[in-house]
Amino acid sequence: MLAIMPMILAIKPQFRENLNFLIKKFLKNTNKKETK
């Protein structure tokens, strides 16, 4: 996944904000699961 990210950013720079939002949301979900 991390290796594919630069390719996506190179193709669609405007997609970066959405990608960061999804990553943050995913990390929050994983953190909640770990806490519980």
Protein backbone atom coordinates (compact mmCIF):
# COMPACT_ATOMS: atom_id res chain seq x y z
CA MET A 1 0.00 0.00 0.00
CA LEU A 2 2.72 2.48 1.01
CA ALA A 3 4.57 1.77 -2.24
CA ILE A 4 1.44 2.51 -4.29
CA MET A 5 0.71 5.83 -2.56
CA PRO A 6 3.41 7.88 -4.39
CA MET A 7 2.04 6.66 -7.73
CA ILE A 8 -1.49 7.77 -6.78
CA LEU A 9 -0.19 11.15 -5.59
CA ALA A 10 1.73 11.58 -8.84
CA ILE A 11 -1.36 10.81 -10.91
CA LYS A 12 -3.85 12.83 -8.83
CA PRO A 13 -2.25 15.46 -6.55
CA GLN A 14 -5.74 16.63 -5.52
CA PHE A 15 -6.44 13.10 -4.23
CA ARG A 16 -3.84 13.59 -1.46
CA GLU A 17 -6.26 15.25 0.98
CA ASN A 18 -8.82 12.47 0.58
CA LEU A 19 -6.10 9.84 0.96
CA ASN A 20 -4.75 11.46 4.13
CA PHE A 21 -8.29 11.65 5.52
CA LEU A 22 -8.86 7.94 4.88
CA ILE A 23 -5.50 7.04 6.45
CA LYS A 24 -6.21 9.13 9.56
CA LYS A 25 -9.67 7.60 9.84
CA PHE A 26 -8.22 4.11 9.46
CA LEU A 27 -5.54 4.79 12.09
CA LYS A 28 -8.19 6.12 14.50
CA ASN A 29 -10.25 2.96 14.00
CA THR A 30 -7.24 0.73 14.66
CA ASN A 31 -6.31 2.76 17.75
CA LYS A 32 -9.84 2.39 19.11
CA LYS A 33 -9.71 -1.37 18.57
CA GLU A 34 -6.34 -1.59 20.32
CA THR A 35 -7.60 0.49 23.25
CA LYS A 36 -10.64 -1.73 23.71
